[in-house]
PDB file of N, CA and C in Angstrom:
ATOM      1  N   UNK A   1     -45.703   5.041  33.738  1.00  0.00           N
ATOM      2  CA  UNK A   1     -44.313   4.661  33.568  1.00  0.00           C
ATOM      3  C   UNK A   1     -44.135   3.813  32.309  1.00  0.00           C
ATOM      4  N   UNK A   2     -45.119   2.961  32.038  1.00  0.00           N
ATOM      5  CA  UNK A   2     -45.051   2.121  30.837  1.00  0.00           C
ATOM      6  C   UNK A   2     -46.305   2.398  30.010  1.00  0.00           C
ATOM      7  N   UNK A   3     -46.192   3.234  28.982  1.00  0.00           N
ATOM      8  CA  UNK A   3     -47.365   3.561  28.171  1.00  0.00           C
ATOM      9  C   UNK A   3     -47.945   2.335  27.473  1.00  0.00           C
ATOM     10  N   UNK A   4     -49.264   2.268  27.475  1.00  0.00           N
ATOM     11  CA  UNK A   4     -49.996   1.213  26.764  1.00  0.00           C
ATOM     12  C   UNK A   4     -50.696   1.881  25.587  1.00  0.00           C
ATOM     13  N   UNK A   5     -50.318   1.541  24.352  1.00  0.00           N
ATOM     14  CA  UNK A   5     -50.923   2.184  23.185  1.00  0.00           C
ATOM     15  C   UNK A   5     -52.447   2.053  23.144  1.00  0.00           C
ATOM     16  N   UNK A   6     -52.978   1.065  23.825  1.00  0.00           N
ATOM     17  CA  UNK A   6     -54.423   0.851  23.866  1.00  0.00           C
ATOM     18  C   UNK A   6     -55.123   1.778  24.867  1.00  0.00           C
ATOM     19  N   UNK A   7     -54.335   2.402  25.752  1.00  0.00           N
ATOM     20  CA  UNK A   7     -54.904   3.241  26.814  1.00  0.00           C
ATOM     21  C   UNK A   7     -54.191   4.589  26.846  1.00  0.00           C
ATOM     22  N   UNK A   8     -54.758   5.634  26.230  1.00  0.00           N
ATOM     23  CA  UNK A   8     -54.117   6.947  26.193  1.00  0.00           C
ATOM     24  C   UNK A   8     -53.830   7.527  27.587  1.00  0.00           C
ATOM     25  N   UNK A   9     -54.568   7.073  28.595  1.00  0.00           N
ATOM     26  CA  UNK A   9     -54.351   7.554  29.957  1.00  0.00           C
ATOM     27  C   UNK A   9     -53.027   7.126  30.552  1.00  0.00           C
ATOM     28  N   UNK A  10     -52.320   6.218  29.891  1.00  0.00           N
ATOM     29  CA  UNK A  10     -51.024   5.773  30.396  1.00  0.00           C
ATOM     30  C   UNK A  10     -49.862   6.533  29.770  1.00  0.00           C
ATOM     31  N   UNK A  11     -50.142   7.428  28.839  1.00  0.00           N
ATOM     32  CA  UNK A  11     -49.075   8.190  28.193  1.00  0.00           C
ATOM     33  C   UNK A  11     -48.701   9.391  29.060  1.00  0.00           C
ATOM     34  N   UNK A  12     -47.628  10.069  28.677  1.00  0.00           N
ATOM     35  CA  UNK A  12     -47.157  11.241  29.408  1.00  0.00           C
ATOM     36  C   UNK A  12     -48.270  12.272  29.503  1.00  0.00           C
ATOM     37  N   UNK A  13     -48.539  12.758  30.696  1.00  0.00           N
ATOM     38  CA  UNK A  13     -49.629  13.697  30.939  1.00  0.00           C
ATOM     39  C   UNK A  13     -49.147  15.125  30.636  1.00  0.00           C
ATOM     40  N   UNK A  14     -49.187  15.483  29.380  1.00  0.00           N
ATOM     41  CA  UNK A  14     -48.711  16.802  28.955  1.00  0.00           C
ATOM     42  C   UNK A  14     -49.587  17.933  29.504  1.00  0.00           C
ATOM     43  N   UNK A  15     -50.869  17.670  29.695  1.00  0.00           N
ATOM     44  CA  UNK A  15     -51.763  18.685  30.275  1.00  0.00           C
ATOM     45  C   UNK A  15     -51.294  19.051  31.675  1.00  0.00           C
ATOM     46  N   UNK A  16     -50.966  18.057  32.476  1.00  0.00           N
ATOM     47  CA  UNK A  16     -50.467  18.318  33.829  1.00  0.00           C
ATOM     48  C   UNK A  16     -49.135  19.056  33.782  1.00  0.00           C
ATOM     49  N   UNK A  17     -48.235  18.647  32.916  1.00  0.00           N
ATOM     50  CA  UNK A  17     -46.932  19.308  32.822  1.00  0.00           C
ATOM     51  C   UNK A  17     -47.085  20.778  32.443  1.00  0.00           C
ATOM     52  N   UNK A  18     -47.983  21.081  31.531  1.00  0.00           N
ATOM     53  CA  UNK A  18     -48.235  22.468  31.138  1.00  0.00           C
ATOM     54  C   UNK A  18     -48.818  23.250  32.306  1.00  0.00           C
ATOM     55  N   UNK A  19     -49.724  22.637  33.034  1.00  0.00           N
ATOM     56  CA  UNK A  19     -50.327  23.283  34.206  1.00  0.00           C
ATOM     57  C   UNK A  19     -49.258  23.587  35.257  1.00  0.00           C
ATOM     58  N   UNK A  20     -48.401  22.623  35.550  1.00  0.00           N
ATOM     59  CA  UNK A  20     -47.350  22.833  36.552  1.00  0.00           C
ATOM     60  C   UNK A  20     -46.388  23.938  36.129  1.00  0.00           C
ATOM     61  N   UNK A  21     -46.091  24.023  34.849  1.00  0.00           N
ATOM     62  CA  UNK A  21     -45.150  25.023  34.348  1.00  0.00           C
ATOM     63  C   UNK A  21     -45.652  26.449  34.544  1.00  0.00           C
ATOM     64  N   UNK A  22     -46.946  26.612  34.796  1.00  0.00           N
ATOM     65  CA  UNK A  22     -47.511  27.948  35.007  1.00  0.00           C
ATOM     66  C   UNK A  22     -47.200  28.504  36.393  1.00  0.00           C
ATOM     67  N   UNK A  23     -46.737  27.663  37.315  1.00  0.00           N
ATOM     68  CA  UNK A  23     -46.466  28.100  38.686  1.00  0.00           C
ATOM     69  C   UNK A  23     -45.016  28.528  38.845  1.00  0.00           C
ATOM     70  N   UNK A  24     -44.791  29.471  39.760  1.00  0.00           N
ATOM     71  CA  UNK A  24     -43.427  29.911  40.056  1.00  0.00           C
ATOM     72  C   UNK A  24     -42.646  28.833  40.794  1.00  0.00           C
ATOM     73  N   UNK A  25     -43.340  28.124  41.692  1.00  0.00           N
ATOM     74  CA  UNK A  25     -42.712  27.074  42.496  1.00  0.00           C
ATOM     75  C   UNK A  25     -43.643  25.874  42.558  1.00  0.00           C
ATOM     76  N   UNK A  26     -43.083  24.692  42.391  1.00  0.00           N
ATOM     77  CA  UNK A  26     -43.834  23.446  42.521  1.00  0.00           C
ATOM     78  C   UNK A  26     -43.168  22.647  43.636  1.00  0.00           C
ATOM     79  N   UNK A  27     -43.934  22.357  44.681  1.00  0.00           N
ATOM     80  CA  UNK A  27     -43.436  21.617  45.836  1.00  0.00           C
ATOM     81  C   UNK A  27     -43.866  20.162  45.694  1.00  0.00           C
ATOM     82  N   UNK A  28     -42.915  19.248  45.864  1.00  0.00           N
ATOM     83  CA  UNK A  28     -43.160  17.832  45.618  1.00  0.00           C
ATOM     84  C   UNK A  28     -42.878  17.019  46.870  1.00  0.00           C
ATOM     85  N   UNK A  29     -43.828  16.136  47.203  1.00  0.00           N
ATOM     86  CA  UNK A  29     -43.688  15.182  48.300  1.00  0.00           C
ATOM     87  C   UNK A  29     -44.522  13.970  47.945  1.00  0.00           C
ATOM     88  N   UNK A  30     -44.327  12.866  48.633  1.00  0.00           N
ATOM     89  CA  UNK A  30     -45.170  11.709  48.385  1.00  0.00           C
ATOM     90  C   UNK A  30     -44.459  10.395  48.601  1.00  0.00           C
ATOM     91  N   UNK A  31     -45.151   9.339  48.281  1.00  0.00           N
ATOM     92  CA  UNK A  31     -44.621   7.977  48.424  1.00  0.00           C
ATOM     93  C   UNK A  31     -44.638   7.312  47.058  1.00  0.00           C
ATOM     94  N   UNK A  32     -43.705   6.589  46.730  1.00  0.00           N
ATOM     95  CA  UNK A  32     -42.434   6.322  47.370  1.00  0.00           C
ATOM     96  C   UNK A  32     -41.326   6.999  46.551  1.00  0.00           C
ATOM     97  N   UNK A  33     -40.386   7.568  47.282  1.00  0.00           N
ATOM     98  CA  UNK A  33     -39.316   8.315  46.629  1.00  0.00           C
ATOM     99  C   UNK A  33     -38.445   7.449  45.734  1.00  0.00           C
ATOM    100  N   UNK A  34     -38.439   6.173  45.976  1.00  0.00           N
ATOM    101  CA  UNK A  34     -37.626   5.260  45.167  1.00  0.00           C
ATOM    102  C   UNK A  34     -38.302   4.872  43.856  1.00  0.00           C
ATOM    103  N   UNK A  35     -39.605   5.111  43.755  1.00  0.00           N
ATOM    104  CA  UNK A  35     -40.332   4.661  42.566  1.00  0.00           C
ATOM    105  C   UNK A  35     -41.260   5.757  42.030  1.00  0.00           C
ATOM    106  N   UNK A  36     -42.421   5.934  42.617  1.00  0.00           N
ATOM    107  CA  UNK A  36     -43.437   6.851  42.083  1.00  0.00           C
ATOM    108  C   UNK A  36     -42.968   8.302  42.071  1.00  0.00           C
ATOM    109  N   UNK A  37     -42.495   8.783  43.213  1.00  0.00           N
ATOM    110  CA  UNK A  37     -42.023  10.171  43.269  1.00  0.00           C
ATOM    111  C   UNK A  37     -40.846  10.341  42.319  1.00  0.00           C
ATOM    112  N   UNK A  38     -39.972   9.377  42.313  1.00  0.00           N
ATOM    113  CA  UNK A  38     -38.800   9.450  41.432  1.00  0.00           C
ATOM    114  C   UNK A  38     -39.227   9.608  39.969  1.00  0.00           C
ATOM    115  N   UNK A  39     -40.119   8.750  39.497  1.00  0.00           N
ATOM    116  CA  UNK A  39     -40.565   8.818  38.104  1.00  0.00           C
ATOM    117  C   UNK A  39     -41.257  10.147  37.821  1.00  0.00           C
ATOM    118  N   UNK A  40     -42.085  10.600  38.747  1.00  0.00           N
ATOM    119  CA  UNK A  40     -42.803  11.863  38.554  1.00  0.00           C
ATOM    120  C   UNK A  40     -41.841  13.041  38.448  1.00  0.00           C
ATOM    121  N   UNK A  41     -40.899  13.131  39.371  1.00  0.00           N
ATOM    122  CA  UNK A  41     -39.942  14.243  39.361  1.00  0.00           C
ATOM    123  C   UNK A  41     -39.084  14.195  38.096  1.00  0.00           C
ATOM    124  N   UNK A  42     -38.628  13.011  37.737  1.00  0.00           N
ATOM    125  CA  UNK A  42     -37.833  12.892  36.513  1.00  0.00           C
ATOM    126  C   UNK A  42     -38.625  13.339  35.295  1.00  0.00           C
ATOM    127  N   UNK A  43     -39.895  12.976  35.227  1.00  0.00           N
ATOM    128  CA  UNK A  43     -40.731  13.397  34.092  1.00  0.00           C
ATOM    129  C   UNK A  43     -40.941  14.907  34.086  1.00  0.00           C
ATOM    130  N   UNK A  44     -41.171  15.486  35.251  1.00  0.00           N
ATOM    131  CA  UNK A  44     -41.331  16.944  35.318  1.00  0.00           C
ATOM    132  C   UNK A  44     -40.070  17.635  34.820  1.00  0.00           C
ATOM    133  N   UNK A  45     -38.919  17.200  35.305  1.00  0.00           N
ATOM    134  CA  UNK A  45     -37.650  17.815  34.903  1.00  0.00           C
ATOM    135  C   UNK A  45     -37.404  17.626  33.410  1.00  0.00           C
ATOM    136  N   UNK A  46     -37.663  16.435  32.900  1.00  0.00           N
ATOM    137  CA  UNK A  46     -37.347  16.117  31.509  1.00  0.00           C
ATOM    138  C   UNK A  46     -38.329  16.702  30.504  1.00  0.00           C
ATOM    139  N   UNK A  47     -39.600  16.849  30.901  1.00  0.00           N
ATOM    140  CA  UNK A  47     -40.622  17.147  29.898  1.00  0.00           C
ATOM    141  C   UNK A  47     -41.414  18.439  30.095  1.00  0.00           C
ATOM    142  N   UNK A  48     -41.253  19.126  31.225  1.00  0.00           N
ATOM    143  CA  UNK A  48     -42.099  20.295  31.480  1.00  0.00           C
ATOM    144  C   UNK A  48     -41.527  21.584  30.920  1.00  0.00           C
ATOM    145  N   UNK A  49     -40.232  21.623  30.699  1.00  0.00           N
ATOM    146  CA  UNK A  49     -39.602  22.866  30.271  1.00  0.00           C
ATOM    147  C   UNK A  49     -39.344  23.820  31.418  1.00  0.00           C
ATOM    148  N   UNK A  50     -39.694  23.408  32.636  1.00  0.00           N
ATOM    149  CA  UNK A  50     -39.467  24.260  33.813  1.00  0.00           C
ATOM    150  C   UNK A  50     -37.994  24.260  34.183  1.00  0.00           C
ATOM    151  N   UNK A  51     -37.520  25.402  34.662  1.00  0.00           N
ATOM    152  CA  UNK A  51     -36.180  25.455  35.229  1.00  0.00           C
ATOM    153  C   UNK A  51     -36.188  24.639  36.516  1.00  0.00           C
ATOM    154  N   UNK A  52     -35.206  23.762  36.713  1.00  0.00           N
ATOM    155  CA  UNK A  52     -35.196  22.919  37.906  1.00  0.00           C
ATOM    156  C   UNK A  52     -35.242  23.687  39.223  1.00  0.00           C
ATOM    157  N   UNK A  53     -34.731  24.918  39.236  1.00  0.00           N
ATOM    158  CA  UNK A  53     -34.729  25.677  40.499  1.00  0.00           C
ATOM    159  C   UNK A  53     -36.132  26.137  40.912  1.00  0.00           C
ATOM    160  N   UNK A  54     -37.135  25.894  40.079  1.00  0.00           N
ATOM    161  CA  UNK A  54     -38.528  26.198  40.448  1.00  0.00           C
ATOM    162  C   UNK A  54     -39.188  25.022  41.166  1.00  0.00           C
ATOM    163  N   UNK A  55     -38.459  23.895  41.261  1.00  0.00           N
ATOM    164  CA  UNK A  55     -38.976  22.707  41.938  1.00  0.00           C
ATOM    165  C   UNK A  55     -38.380  22.605  43.335  1.00  0.00           C
ATOM    166  N   UNK A  56     -39.217  22.182  44.283  1.00  0.00           N
ATOM    167  CA  UNK A  56     -38.776  21.939  45.658  1.00  0.00           C
ATOM    168  C   UNK A  56     -39.151  20.511  46.010  1.00  0.00           C
ATOM    169  N   UNK A  57     -38.168  19.728  46.403  1.00  0.00           N
ATOM    170  CA  UNK A  57     -38.373  18.340  46.802  1.00  0.00           C
ATOM    171  C   UNK A  57     -38.266  18.278  48.325  1.00  0.00           C
ATOM    172  N   UNK A  58     -39.391  17.977  48.999  1.00  0.00           N
ATOM    173  CA  UNK A  58     -39.404  17.917  50.459  1.00  0.00           C
ATOM    174  C   UNK A  58     -38.896  16.544  50.905  1.00  0.00           C
ATOM    175  N   UNK A  59     -37.643  16.497  51.291  1.00  0.00           N
ATOM    176  CA  UNK A  59     -36.982  15.231  51.566  1.00  0.00           C
ATOM    177  C   UNK A  59     -37.512  14.527  52.816  1.00  0.00           C
ATOM    178  N   UNK A  60     -38.127  15.263  53.734  1.00  0.00           N
ATOM    179  CA  UNK A  60     -38.675  14.625  54.934  1.00  0.00           C
ATOM    180  C   UNK A  60     -40.156  14.272  54.772  1.00  0.00           C
ATOM    181  N   UNK A  61     -40.694  14.483  53.599  1.00  0.00           N
ATOM    182  CA  UNK A  61     -42.101  14.171  53.327  1.00  0.00           C
ATOM    183  C   UNK A  61     -42.214  13.089  52.264  1.00  0.00           C
ATOM    184  N   UNK A  62     -41.218  12.228  52.224  1.00  0.00           N
ATOM    185  CA  UNK A  62     -41.213  11.092  51.316  1.00  0.00           C
ATOM    186  C   UNK A  62     -40.242  10.065  51.872  1.00  0.00           C
ATOM    187  N   UNK A  63     -40.427   8.835  51.463  1.00  0.00           N
ATOM    188  CA  UNK A  63     -39.514   7.774  51.874  1.00  0.00           C
ATOM    189  C   UNK A  63     -39.527   6.685  50.805  1.00  0.00           C
ATOM    190  N   UNK A  64     -38.449   5.896  50.765  1.00  0.00           N
ATOM    191  CA  UNK A  64     -38.371   4.846  49.751  1.00  0.00           C
ATOM    192  C   UNK A  64     -39.094   3.577  50.180  1.00  0.00           C
ATOM    193  N   UNK A  65     -39.338   2.740  49.208  1.00  0.00           N
ATOM    194  CA  UNK A  65     -39.779   1.381  49.493  1.00  0.00           C
ATOM    195  C   UNK A  65     -38.627   0.699  50.231  1.00  0.00           C
ATOM    196  N   UNK A  66     -38.945  -0.075  51.265  1.00  0.00           N
ATOM    197  CA  UNK A  66     -37.910  -0.779  52.015  1.00  0.00           C
ATOM    198  C   UNK A  66     -37.043  -1.605  51.073  1.00  0.00           C
ATOM    199  N   UNK A  67     -35.743  -1.450  51.245  1.00  0.00           N
ATOM    200  CA  UNK A  67     -34.792  -2.145  50.385  1.00  0.00           C
ATOM    201  C   UNK A  67     -34.326  -1.320  49.201  1.00  0.00           C
ATOM    202  N   UNK A  68     -34.953  -0.160  48.980  1.00  0.00           N
ATOM    203  CA  UNK A  68     -34.610   0.709  47.849  1.00  0.00           C
ATOM    204  C   UNK A  68     -34.095   2.070  48.322  1.00  0.00           C
ATOM    205  N   UNK A  69     -33.464   2.084  49.488  1.00  0.00           N
ATOM    206  CA  UNK A  69     -32.951   3.324  50.051  1.00  0.00           C
ATOM    207  C   UNK A  69     -31.929   3.988  49.130  1.00  0.00           C
ATOM    208  N   UNK A  70     -31.115   3.198  48.446  1.00  0.00           N
ATOM    209  CA  UNK A  70     -30.114   3.757  47.527  1.00  0.00           C
ATOM    210  C   UNK A  70     -30.778   4.504  46.373  1.00  0.00           C
ATOM    211  N   UNK A  71     -31.935   4.037  45.925  1.00  0.00           N
ATOM    212  CA  UNK A  71     -32.661   4.734  44.859  1.00  0.00           C
ATOM    213  C   UNK A  71     -33.135   6.099  45.348  1.00  0.00           C
ATOM    214  N   UNK A  72     -33.579   6.168  46.599  1.00  0.00           N
ATOM    215  CA  UNK A  72     -33.992   7.451  47.199  1.00  0.00           C
ATOM    216  C   UNK A  72     -32.798   8.400  47.242  1.00  0.00           C
ATOM    217  N   UNK A  73     -31.689   7.910  47.795  1.00  0.00           N
ATOM    218  CA  UNK A  73     -30.491   8.748  47.896  1.00  0.00           C
ATOM    219  C   UNK A  73     -30.031   9.220  46.519  1.00  0.00           C
ATOM    220  N   UNK A  74     -30.111   8.319  45.539  1.00  0.00           N
ATOM    221  CA  UNK A  74     -29.727   8.685  44.180  1.00  0.00           C
ATOM    222  C   UNK A  74     -30.628   9.751  43.588  1.00  0.00           C
ATOM    223  N   UNK A  75     -31.927   9.654  43.868  1.00  0.00           N
ATOM    224  CA  UNK A  75     -32.865  10.672  43.383  1.00  0.00           C
ATOM    225  C   UNK A  75     -32.519  12.036  43.957  1.00  0.00           C
ATOM    226  N   UNK A  76     -32.329  12.091  45.267  1.00  0.00           N
ATOM    227  CA  UNK A  76     -32.029  13.380  45.913  1.00  0.00           C
ATOM    228  C   UNK A  76     -30.741  13.959  45.339  1.00  0.00           C
ATOM    229  N   UNK A  77     -29.712  13.151  45.192  1.00  0.00           N
ATOM    230  CA  UNK A  77     -28.448  13.658  44.655  1.00  0.00           C
ATOM    231  C   UNK A  77     -28.598  14.092  43.199  1.00  0.00           C
ATOM    232  N   UNK A  78     -29.304  13.296  42.403  1.00  0.00           N
ATOM    233  CA  UNK A  78     -29.530  13.638  40.996  1.00  0.00           C
ATOM    234  C   UNK A  78     -30.254  14.975  40.881  1.00  0.00           C
ATOM    235  N   UNK A  79     -31.282  15.170  41.686  1.00  0.00           N
ATOM    236  CA  UNK A  79     -32.047  16.408  41.613  1.00  0.00           C
ATOM    237  C   UNK A  79     -31.228  17.598  42.110  1.00  0.00           C
ATOM    238  N   UNK A  80     -30.455  17.413  43.165  1.00  0.00           N
ATOM    239  CA  UNK A  80     -29.559  18.494  43.624  1.00  0.00           C
ATOM    240  C   UNK A  80     -28.601  18.887  42.507  1.00  0.00           C
ATOM    241  N   UNK A  81     -28.023  17.894  41.854  1.00  0.00           N
ATOM    242  CA  UNK A  81     -27.075  18.155  40.772  1.00  0.00           C
ATOM    243  C   UNK A  81     -27.724  18.939  39.626  1.00  0.00           C
ATOM    244  N   UNK A  82     -29.024  18.725  39.415  1.00  0.00           N
ATOM    245  CA  UNK A  82     -29.745  19.427  38.344  1.00  0.00           C
ATOM    246  C   UNK A  82     -30.215  20.820  38.752  1.00  0.00           C
ATOM    247  N   UNK A  83     -30.135  21.131  40.065  1.00  0.00           N
ATOM    248  CA  UNK A  83     -30.552  22.441  40.539  1.00  0.00           C
ATOM    249  C   UNK A  83     -31.895  22.476  41.229  1.00  0.00           C
ATOM    250  N   UNK A  84     -32.501  21.298  41.461  1.00  0.00           N
ATOM    251  CA  UNK A  84     -33.753  21.223  42.213  1.00  0.00           C
ATOM    252  C   UNK A  84     -33.434  21.498  43.673  1.00  0.00           C
ATOM    253  N   UNK A  85     -34.271  22.279  44.332  1.00  0.00           N
ATOM    254  CA  UNK A  85     -34.075  22.566  45.755  1.00  0.00           C
ATOM    255  C   UNK A  85     -34.576  21.370  46.562  1.00  0.00           C
ATOM    256  N   UNK A  86     -33.671  20.700  47.262  1.00  0.00           N
ATOM    257  CA  UNK A  86     -34.004  19.549  48.100  1.00  0.00           C
ATOM    258  C   UNK A  86     -33.841  19.993  49.549  1.00  0.00           C
ATOM    259  N   UNK A  87     -34.951  20.011  50.263  1.00  0.00           N
ATOM    260  CA  UNK A  87     -34.939  20.559  51.615  1.00  0.00           C
ATOM    261  C   UNK A  87     -36.001  19.891  52.474  1.00  0.00           C
ATOM    262  N   UNK A  88     -35.977  20.180  53.756  1.00  0.00           N
ATOM    263  CA  UNK A  88     -36.996  19.654  54.650  1.00  0.00           C
ATOM    264  C   UNK A  88     -38.212  20.581  54.638  1.00  0.00           C
ATOM    265  N   UNK A  89     -39.335  20.054  55.098  1.00  0.00           N
ATOM    266  CA  UNK A  89     -40.555  20.865  55.146  1.00  0.00           C
ATOM    267  C   UNK A  89     -40.405  22.037  56.120  1.00  0.00           C
ATOM    268  N   UNK A  90     -39.691  21.833  57.224  1.00  0.00           N
ATOM    269  CA  UNK A  90     -39.520  22.926  58.183  1.00  0.00           C
ATOM    270  C   UNK A  90     -38.587  24.005  57.637  1.00  0.00           C
ATOM    271  N   UNK A  91     -37.528  23.594  56.942  1.00  0.00           N
ATOM    272  CA  UNK A  91     -36.645  24.586  56.331  1.00  0.00           C
ATOM    273  C   UNK A  91     -37.357  25.356  55.224  1.00  0.00           C
ATOM    274  N   UNK A  92     -38.278  24.695  54.541  1.00  0.00           N
ATOM    275  CA  UNK A  92     -39.052  25.349  53.490  1.00  0.00           C
ATOM    276  C   UNK A  92     -40.092  26.295  54.088  1.00  0.00           C
ATOM    277  N   UNK A  93     -40.495  26.023  55.336  1.00  0.00           N
ATOM    278  CA  UNK A  93     -41.449  26.905  55.999  1.00  0.00           C
ATOM    279  C   UNK A  93     -42.838  26.324  56.171  1.00  0.00           C
ATOM    280  N   UNK A  94     -42.956  25.017  56.122  1.00  0.00           N
ATOM    281  CA  UNK A  94     -44.270  24.386  56.318  1.00  0.00           C
ATOM    282  C   UNK A  94     -44.473  24.012  57.761  1.00  0.00           C
TER     283      UNK A  94
END
């Protein structure tokens, strides 16, 4: 999230973004939707070149840090507005 010029491992992981772009669908879940998942999804959308409709955000397989529920809700709405599929794991078929 905050690149350190002294540590190349903290910069944007372009290798991972290129790898993800090779898939037809990328399913995303994890902790915490208000911080880590949010930053990851935003970076994928902004830097991978993937069409947002190739991303699936499993809304029941993530949760926000306590007190940051509005950030979670904002992420889901932002991604829906961009065309990311936001759904539950059961609706997705898991």
